[in-house]
Amino acid sequence: MNAQGIETPPNGRAPHNRLAAAAMTLGIIGLPTSVVLIGGPLAVIGLVLGIAALMAARRTGVGRGMAVTAVVTSSLAIVVSGLIAVFMLWYANQTQECYQPDSFHQYTQCVREHLNGN
């Protein structure tokens, strides 16, 4: 393995960019987990690694596809996490008077009333 994280196997197969593979893995994992806000931090790390992998791929010519995939999936995961966070804040603001009900039925009734504008 050289200084750019490129592994050159002796058996004649194509070299592999481990940085791009790690970034792509984080981006792909970050996308479905962004719905529960865990994917946001993973995607930020994946985006940083993906950009670094793109720069390494520009120098070495190895791993460009994986690096682009990492940047795209990580960016999408960050956007989805942001949208989910905004929605959760909006929902909490709309239903803040419903947080201390006596039963789940009263909570759902209160939420319906506040979201319908009654």
Protein backbone atom coordinates (compact mmCIF):
# COMPACT_ATOMS: atom_id res chain seq x y z
CA MET A 1 0.00 0.00 0.00
CA ASN A 2 1.35 3.42 -0.87
CA ALA A 3 0.95 6.78 0.90
CA GLN A 4 -2.38 7.58 -0.80
CA GLY A 5 -4.06 4.47 0.63
CA ILE A 6 -3.90 2.64 -2.71
CA GLU A 7 -3.27 -1.06 -2.37
CA THR A 8 -1.33 -2.65 -5.21
CA PRO A 9 -1.77 -6.41 -5.02
CA PRO A 10 1.07 -8.56 -6.34
CA ASN A 11 -1.26 -10.93 -8.18
CA GLY A 12 -1.86 -8.50 -11.05
CA ARG A 13 -5.41 -7.46 -10.14
CA ALA A 14 -6.43 -3.83 -10.29
CA PRO A 15 -5.38 -1.59 -7.39
CA HIS A 16 -8.02 -0.64 -4.83
CA ASN A 17 -8.63 2.71 -3.13
CA ARG A 18 -9.50 1.88 0.50
CA LEU A 19 -10.36 5.48 1.30
CA ALA A 20 -13.00 5.49 -1.44
CA ALA A 21 -14.37 2.15 -0.23
CA ALA A 22 -14.67 3.40 3.35
CA ALA A 23 -16.33 6.62 2.22
CA MET A 24 -18.77 4.75 0.00
CA THR A 25 -19.65 2.38 2.84
CA LEU A 26 -20.36 5.28 5.21
CA GLY A 27 -22.46 7.04 2.56
CA ILE A 28 -24.51 3.94 1.81
CA ILE A 29 -25.05 3.19 5.51
CA GLY A 30 -25.79 6.84 6.22
CA LEU A 31 -28.60 7.08 3.67
CA PRO A 32 -31.11 4.62 5.18
CA THR A 33 -30.14 5.50 8.76
CA SER A 34 -30.61 9.22 8.16
CA VAL A 35 -34.33 8.76 8.81
CA VAL A 36 -33.52 8.18 12.48
CA LEU A 37 -30.87 10.95 12.46
CA ILE A 38 -27.97 8.52 13.04
CA GLY A 39 -27.01 8.73 9.40
CA GLY A 40 -26.31 12.46 9.53
CA PRO A 41 -22.99 12.22 11.40
CA LEU A 42 -22.02 9.10 9.43
CA ALA A 43 -22.76 10.94 6.22
CA VAL A 44 -20.67 13.95 7.22
CA ILE A 45 -17.70 11.65 7.79
CA GLY A 46 -18.48 9.85 4.53
CA LEU A 47 -18.63 13.17 2.66
CA VAL A 48 -15.25 14.29 4.01
CA LEU A 49 -13.68 10.94 3.17
CA GLY A 50 -15.39 10.93 -0.23
CA ILE A 51 -13.93 14.32 -1.12
CA ALA A 52 -10.50 13.14 0.02
CA ALA A 53 -10.95 9.96 -2.04
CA LEU A 54 -11.91 12.04 -5.10
CA MET A 55 -8.71 14.05 -4.71
CA ALA A 56 -6.70 10.82 -4.37
CA ALA A 57 -8.49 9.34 -7.39
CA ARG A 58 -7.61 12.41 -9.42
CA ARG A 59 -3.92 11.80 -8.64
CA THR A 60 -3.90 8.02 -9.00
CA GLY A 61 -6.83 7.25 -11.31
CA VAL A 62 -8.17 4.59 -8.90
CA GLY A 63 -11.52 4.59 -7.11
CA ARG A 64 -13.23 7.54 -8.79
CA GLY A 65 -16.59 5.74 -9.12
CA MET A 66 -16.67 4.73 -5.48
CA ALA A 67 -15.67 8.24 -4.40
CA VAL A 68 -18.44 9.83 -6.49
CA THR A 69 -20.92 7.34 -5.05
CA ALA A 70 -19.73 8.27 -1.55
CA VAL A 71 -20.14 11.99 -2.15
CA VAL A 72 -23.63 11.59 -3.68
CA THR A 73 -25.02 9.19 -1.06
CA SER A 74 -23.48 11.13 1.81
CA SER A 75 -24.91 14.41 0.50
CA LEU A 76 -28.36 12.86 0.15
CA ALA A 77 -28.15 11.44 3.68
CA ILE A 78 -27.22 14.86 5.08
CA VAL A 79 -30.18 16.47 3.29
CA VAL A 80 -32.60 13.77 4.51
CA SER A 81 -31.33 14.08 8.10
CA GLY A 82 -31.76 17.85 7.92
CA LEU A 83 -35.31 17.55 6.58
CA ILE A 84 -36.24 15.01 9.28
CA ALA A 85 -34.82 17.30 11.98
CA VAL A 86 -36.80 20.28 10.64
CA PHE A 87 -39.97 18.17 10.52
CA MET A 88 -39.44 16.97 14.08
CA LEU A 89 -38.97 20.55 15.30
CA TRP A 90 -42.10 21.67 13.43
CA TYR A 91 -44.12 18.77 14.86
CA ALA A 92 -42.88 19.47 18.39
CA ASN A 93 -43.82 23.13 18.02
CA GLN A 94 -47.29 22.33 16.68
CA THR A 95 -48.11 19.81 19.40
CA GLN A 96 -46.33 21.23 22.44
CA GLU A 97 -49.56 21.58 24.43
CA CYS A 98 -50.21 17.83 24.11
CA TYR A 99 -47.14 16.58 25.96
CA GLN A 100 -48.74 15.82 29.34
CA PRO A 101 -51.93 13.91 28.58
CA ASP A 102 -53.57 11.45 30.95
CA SER A 103 -53.78 8.76 28.28
CA PHE A 104 -52.55 7.94 24.79
CA HIS A 105 -56.08 8.52 23.46
CA GLN A 106 -56.06 12.08 24.84
CA TYR A 107 -52.62 12.65 23.30
CA THR A 108 -53.73 11.50 19.84
CA GLN A 109 -56.92 13.57 20.07
CA CYS A 110 -54.90 16.67 21.07
CA VAL A 111 -52.42 16.13 18.23
CA ARG A 112 -55.23 15.78 15.69
CA GLU A 113 -56.83 18.99 16.90
CA HIS A 114 -53.58 20.95 16.72
CA LEU A 115 -52.54 19.65 13.31
CA ASN A 116 -56.02 20.23 11.83
CA GLY A 117 -56.04 23.80 13.16
CA ASN A 118 -58.97 23.35 15.55
